[in-house]
């Protein structure tokens, strides 16, 4: 019969059971180690997030950038670019400044709603 206890079953069964138990224990140990690693990584992530959140909360409130403010800044930029090109008085600086001025002026007009 298949369920008969033979001398081989009696001798080898405990060794096989011990092997299976050791494998299960190894898997559990590996699993627990990995879970702990993931928990530590998660805690580091949460700590960094808390530090970043505190840093953001500590920053002073800033004024929102509006289209009008950006258009004004672009206008200042291209005025300075043209002025610098005039001071250098080279064909290349005038060409570059002109191209930049035209492009930035178009952006400024779009932001002001003229285009």
Protein backbone atom coordinates (compact mmCIF):
# COMPACT_ATOMS: atom_id res chain seq x y z
CA UNK A 1 0.00 0.00 0.00
CA UNK A 2 0.99 3.56 -0.63
CA UNK A 3 0.49 4.53 2.99
CA UNK A 4 2.61 1.75 4.45
CA UNK A 5 5.44 2.83 6.65
CA UNK A 6 8.62 1.36 5.36
CA UNK A 7 12.02 1.70 6.92
CA UNK A 8 13.00 4.10 4.10
CA UNK A 9 10.00 6.34 4.77
CA UNK A 10 10.75 6.37 8.48
CA UNK A 11 14.42 7.22 7.94
CA UNK A 12 14.17 9.73 5.07
CA UNK A 13 10.92 11.46 5.96
CA UNK A 14 12.33 13.51 8.86
CA UNK A 15 15.25 14.70 6.72
CA UNK A 16 12.92 15.77 3.90
CA UNK A 17 10.59 17.50 6.35
CA UNK A 18 13.54 19.28 7.93
CA UNK A 19 14.72 20.38 4.47
CA UNK A 20 11.27 21.73 3.59
CA UNK A 21 11.03 23.54 6.91
CA UNK A 22 14.47 25.10 6.39
CA UNK A 23 13.45 26.26 2.91
CA UNK A 24 10.25 27.77 4.28
CA UNK A 25 12.20 29.48 7.05
CA UNK A 26 14.70 30.86 4.52
CA UNK A 27 11.87 32.22 2.36
CA UNK A 28 10.26 33.82 5.42
CA UNK A 29 13.57 35.37 6.48
CA UNK A 30 14.22 36.71 2.97
CA UNK A 31 10.67 38.02 2.76
CA UNK A 32 10.91 39.75 6.15
CA UNK A 33 14.25 41.27 5.22
CA UNK A 34 12.82 42.65 1.97
CA UNK A 35 9.73 44.01 3.77
CA UNK A 36 12.00 45.79 6.26
CA UNK A 37 14.11 47.24 3.43
CA UNK A 38 10.96 48.56 1.74
CA UNK A 39 9.67 50.03 4.99
CA UNK A 40 12.99 51.78 5.59
CA UNK A 41 12.99 53.16 2.03
CA UNK A 42 9.41 54.34 2.51
CA UNK A 43 10.36 56.05 5.78
CA UNK A 44 13.29 57.81 4.09
CA UNK A 45 10.94 58.96 1.32
CA UNK A 46 8.41 60.25 3.87
CA UNK A 47 11.15 62.06 5.79
CA UNK A 48 12.34 63.79 2.60
CA UNK A 49 8.75 64.69 1.73
CA UNK A 50 8.20 66.20 5.20
CA UNK A 51 11.42 68.22 4.94
CA UNK A 52 10.43 69.49 1.48
CA UNK A 53 6.93 70.33 2.66
CA UNK A 54 8.32 72.26 5.64
CA UNK A 55 10.74 74.11 3.36
CA UNK A 56 7.90 75.10 1.04
CA UNK A 57 5.76 76.22 3.96
CA UNK A 58 8.64 78.35 5.28
CA UNK A 59 9.09 80.22 2.00
CA UNK A 60 7.54 83.64 1.83
CA UNK A 61 4.49 84.00 -0.35
CA UNK A 62 5.41 85.12 -3.85
CA UNK A 63 3.49 87.23 -6.24
CA UNK A 64 1.91 85.34 -9.11
CA UNK A 65 3.48 85.93 -12.51
CA UNK A 66 0.87 87.52 -14.72
CA UNK A 67 0.90 87.93 -18.49
CA UNK A 68 1.32 91.69 -18.06
CA UNK A 69 4.33 91.23 -15.76
CA UNK A 70 5.94 88.77 -18.15
CA UNK A 71 5.25 91.04 -21.14
CA UNK A 72 6.91 93.93 -19.28
CA UNK A 73 9.94 91.78 -18.45
CA UNK A 74 10.28 90.70 -22.09
CA UNK A 75 10.03 94.31 -23.18
CA UNK A 76 12.84 95.25 -20.80
CA UNK A 77 14.94 92.35 -22.07
CA UNK A 78 14.70 93.23 -25.72
CA UNK A 79 15.25 96.94 -25.03
CA UNK A 80 18.50 96.06 -23.28
CA UNK A 81 19.48 93.68 -26.11
CA UNK A 82 18.99 96.40 -28.71
CA UNK A 83 20.92 98.91 -26.56
CA UNK A 84 23.84 96.51 -26.18
CA UNK A 85 23.87 95.79 -29.93
CA UNK A 86 24.00 99.54 -30.67
CA UNK A 87 26.98 99.94 -28.32
CA UNK A 88 28.90 97.07 -29.97
CA UNK A 89 28.14 98.39 -33.45
CA UNK A 90 28.82 95.15 -35.30
CA UNK A 91 26.65 93.70 -38.00
CA UNK A 92 26.40 90.36 -36.21
CA UNK A 93 25.28 91.87 -32.90
CA UNK A 94 22.67 93.98 -34.68
CA UNK A 95 21.37 90.95 -36.61
CA UNK A 96 21.11 88.82 -33.48
CA UNK A 97 19.52 91.60 -31.41
CA UNK A 98 17.04 92.40 -34.18
CA UNK A 99 15.90 88.81 -34.53
CA UNK A 100 15.60 88.46 -30.75
CA UNK A 101 13.80 91.78 -30.40
CA UNK A 102 11.24 90.91 -33.06
CA UNK A 103 10.54 87.51 -31.50
CA UNK A 104 10.31 88.81 -27.94
CA UNK A 105 8.15 91.75 -29.00
CA UNK A 106 5.73 89.31 -30.64
CA UNK A 107 5.56 87.28 -27.42
CA UNK A 108 4.99 90.44 -25.38
CA UNK A 109 2.18 91.56 -27.73
CA UNK A 110 0.54 88.13 -27.50
CA UNK A 111 0.68 88.27 -23.70
CA UNK A 112 -0.86 91.73 -23.73
CA UNK A 113 -3.66 90.46 -25.93
CA UNK A 114 -2.73 92.49 -29.00
CA UNK A 115 -2.26 89.44 -31.24
